[in-house]
Amino acid sequence: MNPHSDTPLTFAEAFGLPLSVDLRTAARAFGMCMGTAYRLVHVDGFPCTVVRVGRKYRVPTADLMRSLGIEEMPVYASDVESGAHWALGERLPGGWMQMRLAQ
């Protein structure tokens, strides 16, 4: 993902976000420019929680997703399969995370 892109986030990009994102990424998710995002932050009108950390703004990804109407994360078949192997006590070569990252 290019954080300086003016195009809105795709679903695949949204589901790959870290626990919090910068204001630019959140603004991009809503399809707004940075000027609008800063104005909304300053009047307490941004569509989701914005936290100031030093001189920067961060947005919790869970709040961002909720504000976008995305309440649940997708479930991938490989995750279910890995969970079944884990429940059976089987160890996978490279660990379950390696399988997920390989996709």
N, C-alpha and C. Protein backbone atom coordinates (compact mmCIF):
# COMPACT_ATOMS: atom_id res chain seq x y z
N MET A 1 0.85 -1.17 0.00
CA MET A 1 0.00 0.00 0.00
C MET A 1 0.89 1.23 0.00
N ASN A 2 0.59 2.15 -0.84
CA ASN A 2 1.31 3.42 -0.89
C ASN A 2 0.55 4.42 -0.04
N PRO A 3 1.09 4.83 1.13
CA PRO A 3 0.35 5.72 2.02
C PRO A 3 0.10 7.10 1.45
N HIS A 4 0.78 7.46 0.37
CA HIS A 4 0.61 8.78 -0.21
C HIS A 4 -0.32 8.77 -1.41
N SER A 5 -0.96 7.65 -1.65
CA SER A 5 -1.85 7.54 -2.79
C SER A 5 -3.15 8.28 -2.50
N ASP A 6 -3.73 8.86 -3.54
CA ASP A 6 -5.01 9.56 -3.39
C ASP A 6 -6.19 8.66 -3.68
N THR A 7 -5.94 7.40 -4.01
CA THR A 7 -7.04 6.49 -4.30
C THR A 7 -7.54 5.88 -2.99
N PRO A 8 -8.85 5.63 -2.90
CA PRO A 8 -9.40 5.00 -1.68
C PRO A 8 -8.81 3.62 -1.45
N LEU A 9 -8.83 3.17 -0.19
CA LEU A 9 -8.34 1.83 0.15
C LEU A 9 -9.22 0.77 -0.47
N THR A 10 -8.61 -0.32 -0.88
CA THR A 10 -9.38 -1.49 -1.32
C THR A 10 -9.71 -2.32 -0.08
N PHE A 11 -10.64 -3.28 -0.21
CA PHE A 11 -10.95 -4.15 0.92
C PHE A 11 -9.73 -4.93 1.35
N ALA A 12 -8.95 -5.42 0.39
CA ALA A 12 -7.75 -6.18 0.74
C ALA A 12 -6.78 -5.33 1.54
N GLU A 13 -6.61 -4.07 1.16
CA GLU A 13 -5.72 -3.17 1.91
C GLU A 13 -6.28 -2.91 3.30
N ALA A 14 -7.58 -2.69 3.40
CA ALA A 14 -8.21 -2.40 4.70
C ALA A 14 -8.01 -3.55 5.68
N PHE A 15 -8.17 -4.79 5.21
CA PHE A 15 -8.03 -5.93 6.10
C PHE A 15 -6.58 -6.21 6.47
N GLY A 16 -5.64 -5.61 5.79
CA GLY A 16 -4.23 -5.80 6.11
C GLY A 16 -3.64 -4.69 6.96
N LEU A 17 -4.46 -3.79 7.48
CA LEU A 17 -3.96 -2.65 8.26
C LEU A 17 -3.45 -3.08 9.64
N PRO A 18 -2.49 -2.34 10.20
CA PRO A 18 -2.00 -2.61 11.56
C PRO A 18 -3.04 -2.15 12.60
N LEU A 19 -2.72 -2.23 13.88
CA LEU A 19 -3.66 -1.86 14.95
C LEU A 19 -4.08 -0.40 14.89
N SER A 20 -3.20 0.46 14.44
CA SER A 20 -3.58 1.86 14.25
C SER A 20 -2.92 2.36 12.97
N VAL A 21 -3.54 3.38 12.38
CA VAL A 21 -3.02 3.93 11.13
C VAL A 21 -2.84 5.43 11.28
N ASP A 22 -2.08 6.02 10.37
CA ASP A 22 -1.92 7.47 10.40
C ASP A 22 -3.18 8.13 9.83
N LEU A 23 -3.27 9.43 10.03
CA LEU A 23 -4.46 10.16 9.58
C LEU A 23 -4.59 10.10 8.07
N ARG A 24 -3.48 10.11 7.36
CA ARG A 24 -3.53 10.05 5.88
C ARG A 24 -4.22 8.77 5.41
N THR A 25 -3.88 7.64 6.01
CA THR A 25 -4.48 6.37 5.62
C THR A 25 -5.97 6.36 5.96
N ALA A 26 -6.32 6.87 7.15
CA ALA A 26 -7.74 6.93 7.53
C ALA A 26 -8.52 7.83 6.58
N ALA A 27 -7.95 8.98 6.24
CA ALA A 27 -8.61 9.89 5.31
C ALA A 27 -8.80 9.21 3.96
N ARG A 28 -7.79 8.48 3.53
CA ARG A 28 -7.87 7.76 2.26
C ARG A 28 -8.98 6.72 2.30
N ALA A 29 -9.15 6.06 3.44
CA ALA A 29 -10.22 5.06 3.57
C ALA A 29 -11.59 5.71 3.39
N PHE A 30 -11.74 6.94 3.84
CA PHE A 30 -13.01 7.65 3.70
C PHE A 30 -13.11 8.40 2.38
N GLY A 31 -12.03 8.40 1.58
CA GLY A 31 -12.03 9.08 0.30
C GLY A 31 -11.98 10.59 0.42
N MET A 32 -11.32 11.09 1.48
CA MET A 32 -11.23 12.54 1.65
C MET A 32 -9.78 13.00 1.56
N CYS A 33 -9.60 14.27 1.23
CA CYS A 33 -8.26 14.82 1.15
C CYS A 33 -7.76 15.16 2.56
N MET A 34 -6.46 15.37 2.69
CA MET A 34 -5.87 15.66 4.00
C MET A 34 -6.38 16.97 4.58
N GLY A 35 -6.63 17.97 3.75
CA GLY A 35 -7.15 19.24 4.25
C GLY A 35 -8.48 19.04 4.96
N THR A 36 -9.37 18.27 4.35
CA THR A 36 -10.67 17.97 4.96
C THR A 36 -10.48 17.17 6.24
N ALA A 37 -9.57 16.20 6.22
CA ALA A 37 -9.33 15.38 7.40
C ALA A 37 -8.86 16.24 8.57
N TYR A 38 -7.89 17.14 8.34
CA TYR A 38 -7.41 18.01 9.41
C TYR A 38 -8.51 18.95 9.91
N ARG A 39 -9.30 19.49 9.00
CA ARG A 39 -10.41 20.36 9.44
C ARG A 39 -11.38 19.61 10.33
N LEU A 40 -11.73 18.38 9.93
CA LEU A 40 -12.66 17.58 10.73
C LEU A 40 -12.07 17.22 12.09
N VAL A 41 -10.78 16.91 12.13
CA VAL A 41 -10.13 16.61 13.41
C VAL A 41 -10.19 17.81 14.34
N HIS A 42 -9.93 19.00 13.79
CA HIS A 42 -9.89 20.20 14.62
C HIS A 42 -11.26 20.63 15.14
N VAL A 43 -12.33 20.23 14.46
CA VAL A 43 -13.68 20.56 14.96
C VAL A 43 -14.34 19.35 15.62
N ASP A 44 -13.52 18.31 15.88
CA ASP A 44 -14.00 17.08 16.52
C ASP A 44 -15.09 16.41 15.69
N GLY A 45 -14.91 16.43 14.36
CA GLY A 45 -15.92 15.88 13.48
C GLY A 45 -15.44 14.74 12.59
N PHE A 46 -14.22 14.24 12.83
CA PHE A 46 -13.75 13.11 12.02
C PHE A 46 -14.65 11.91 12.29
N PRO A 47 -14.98 11.11 11.28
CA PRO A 47 -15.97 10.04 11.44
C PRO A 47 -15.60 8.91 12.41
N CYS A 48 -14.38 8.91 12.94
CA CYS A 48 -14.01 7.89 13.92
C CYS A 48 -13.00 8.48 14.91
N THR A 49 -12.63 7.71 15.90
CA THR A 49 -11.71 8.16 16.93
C THR A 49 -10.35 8.54 16.34
N VAL A 50 -9.84 9.69 16.75
CA VAL A 50 -8.51 10.14 16.35
C VAL A 50 -7.73 10.44 17.63
N VAL A 51 -6.53 9.88 17.75
CA VAL A 51 -5.70 10.05 18.93
C VAL A 51 -4.46 10.84 18.54
N ARG A 52 -4.16 11.86 19.32
CA ARG A 52 -2.94 12.63 19.05
C ARG A 52 -1.79 11.99 19.81
N VAL A 53 -0.73 11.67 19.10
CA VAL A 53 0.46 11.08 19.70
C VAL A 53 1.62 12.00 19.34
N GLY A 54 2.01 12.83 20.31
CA GLY A 54 3.03 13.84 20.03
C GLY A 54 2.48 14.86 19.05
N ARG A 55 3.14 14.98 17.90
CA ARG A 55 2.67 15.91 16.88
C ARG A 55 1.90 15.21 15.77
N LYS A 56 1.66 13.92 15.93
CA LYS A 56 0.99 13.14 14.89
C LYS A 56 -0.37 12.65 15.36
N TYR A 57 -1.21 12.31 14.40
CA TYR A 57 -2.52 11.74 14.69
C TYR A 57 -2.52 10.27 14.29
N ARG A 58 -3.12 9.44 15.14
CA ARG A 58 -3.29 8.02 14.86
C ARG A 58 -4.77 7.68 14.97
N VAL A 59 -5.20 6.71 14.20
CA VAL A 59 -6.58 6.26 14.21
C VAL A 59 -6.58 4.76 14.49
N PRO A 60 -7.27 4.33 15.57
CA PRO A 60 -7.36 2.88 15.83
C PRO A 60 -8.09 2.19 14.67
N THR A 61 -7.48 1.14 14.15
CA THR A 61 -8.05 0.46 12.99
C THR A 61 -9.43 -0.11 13.27
N ALA A 62 -9.67 -0.62 14.48
CA ALA A 62 -10.99 -1.18 14.81
C ALA A 62 -12.07 -0.10 14.68
N ASP A 63 -11.79 1.12 15.18
CA ASP A 63 -12.75 2.22 15.05
C ASP A 63 -12.94 2.62 13.59
N LEU A 64 -11.85 2.64 12.84
CA LEU A 64 -11.92 2.98 11.42
C LEU A 64 -12.81 1.99 10.69
N MET A 65 -12.58 0.71 10.92
CA MET A 65 -13.37 -0.33 10.25
C MET A 65 -14.85 -0.23 10.63
N ARG A 66 -15.13 -0.01 11.91
CA ARG A 66 -16.51 0.14 12.37
C ARG A 66 -17.19 1.33 11.68
N SER A 67 -16.47 2.44 11.58
CA SER A 67 -17.01 3.64 10.94
C SER A 67 -17.28 3.42 9.45
N LEU A 68 -16.52 2.52 8.86
CA LEU A 68 -16.73 2.19 7.44
C LEU A 68 -17.82 1.14 7.26
N GLY A 69 -18.38 0.66 8.37
CA GLY A 69 -19.43 -0.34 8.31
C GLY A 69 -18.91 -1.76 8.17
N ILE A 70 -17.64 -1.94 8.50
CA ILE A 70 -17.03 -3.28 8.43
C ILE A 70 -16.81 -3.73 9.86
N GLU A 71 -17.67 -4.59 10.33
CA GLU A 71 -17.64 -4.99 11.74
C GLU A 71 -16.88 -6.29 11.99
N GLU A 72 -16.75 -7.11 10.97
CA GLU A 72 -16.10 -8.40 11.17
C GLU A 72 -14.99 -8.59 10.17
N MET A 73 -13.94 -9.25 10.60
CA MET A 73 -12.82 -9.56 9.73
C MET A 73 -13.15 -10.82 8.93
N PRO A 74 -12.62 -10.97 7.72
CA PRO A 74 -12.89 -12.17 6.93
C PRO A 74 -12.20 -13.38 7.55
N VAL A 75 -12.77 -14.55 7.30
CA VAL A 75 -12.17 -15.80 7.74
C VAL A 75 -11.67 -16.51 6.49
N TYR A 76 -10.40 -16.89 6.51
CA TYR A 76 -9.80 -17.56 5.37
C TYR A 76 -9.75 -19.06 5.62
N ALA A 77 -9.96 -19.85 4.57
CA ALA A 77 -9.97 -21.31 4.69
C ALA A 77 -8.66 -21.82 5.27
N SER A 78 -7.54 -21.21 4.89
CA SER A 78 -6.25 -21.67 5.40
C SER A 78 -6.14 -21.43 6.91
N ASP A 79 -6.78 -20.35 7.41
CA ASP A 79 -6.77 -20.11 8.85
C ASP A 79 -7.56 -21.18 9.59
N VAL A 80 -8.70 -21.57 9.02
CA VAL A 80 -9.53 -22.62 9.64
C VAL A 80 -8.76 -23.93 9.64
N GLU A 81 -8.12 -24.25 8.52
CA GLU A 81 -7.34 -25.48 8.42
C GLU A 81 -6.19 -25.48 9.43
N SER A 82 -5.50 -24.36 9.55
CA SER A 82 -4.40 -24.26 10.51
C SER A 82 -4.91 -24.42 11.94
N GLY A 83 -6.07 -23.82 12.23
CA GLY A 83 -6.67 -23.96 13.55
C GLY A 83 -7.02 -25.40 13.86
N ALA A 84 -7.50 -26.13 12.86
CA ALA A 84 -7.84 -27.54 13.06
C ALA A 84 -6.58 -28.34 13.35
N HIS A 85 -5.51 -28.08 12.62
CA HIS A 85 -4.24 -28.77 12.89
C HIS A 85 -3.74 -28.45 14.29
N TRP A 86 -3.85 -27.19 14.69
CA TRP A 86 -3.41 -26.79 16.03
C TRP A 86 -4.24 -27.49 17.10
N ALA A 87 -5.57 -27.56 16.89
CA ALA A 87 -6.45 -28.21 17.87
C ALA A 87 -6.12 -29.69 18.02
N LEU A 88 -5.67 -30.30 16.95
CA LEU A 88 -5.29 -31.71 17.00
C LEU A 88 -3.88 -31.92 17.54
N GLY A 89 -3.21 -30.83 17.84
CA GLY A 89 -1.86 -30.92 18.40
C GLY A 89 -0.78 -31.13 17.35
N GLU A 90 -1.13 -30.95 16.08
CA GLU A 90 -0.15 -31.13 15.01
C GLU A 90 0.67 -29.86 14.84
N ARG A 91 1.94 -30.04 14.59
CA ARG A 91 2.81 -28.89 14.31
C ARG A 91 3.02 -28.82 12.80
N LEU A 92 2.89 -27.63 12.28
CA LEU A 92 3.06 -27.44 10.85
C LEU A 92 4.48 -26.97 10.56
N PRO A 93 5.06 -27.42 9.45
CA PRO A 93 6.40 -26.93 9.11
C PRO A 93 6.36 -25.42 8.91
N GLY A 94 7.23 -24.72 9.60
CA GLY A 94 7.27 -23.26 9.47
C GLY A 94 6.24 -22.56 10.33
N GLY A 95 5.39 -23.30 11.03
CA GLY A 95 4.38 -22.68 11.88
C GLY A 95 3.18 -22.22 11.09
N TRP A 96 2.09 -21.97 11.80
CA TRP A 96 0.84 -21.56 11.14
C TRP A 96 0.98 -20.20 10.48
N MET A 97 1.82 -19.33 11.04
CA MET A 97 1.97 -18.00 10.47
C MET A 97 2.63 -18.06 9.10
N GLN A 98 3.55 -18.99 8.92
CA GLN A 98 4.21 -19.13 7.63
C GLN A 98 3.20 -19.47 6.55
N MET A 99 2.22 -20.33 6.87
CA MET A 99 1.20 -20.68 5.88
C MET A 99 0.41 -19.44 5.49
N ARG A 100 0.03 -18.63 6.45
CA ARG A 100 -0.80 -17.45 6.21
C ARG A 100 -0.02 -16.42 5.37
N LEU A 101 1.26 -16.22 5.68
CA LEU A 101 2.06 -15.25 4.97
C LEU A 101 2.38 -15.69 3.54
N ALA A 102 2.35 -16.97 3.30
CA ALA A 102 2.69 -17.48 1.98
C ALA A 102 1.59 -17.21 0.96
N GLN A 103 0.42 -16.89 1.39
CA GLN A 103 -0.70 -16.69 0.46
C GLN A 103 -0.68 -15.36 -0.19
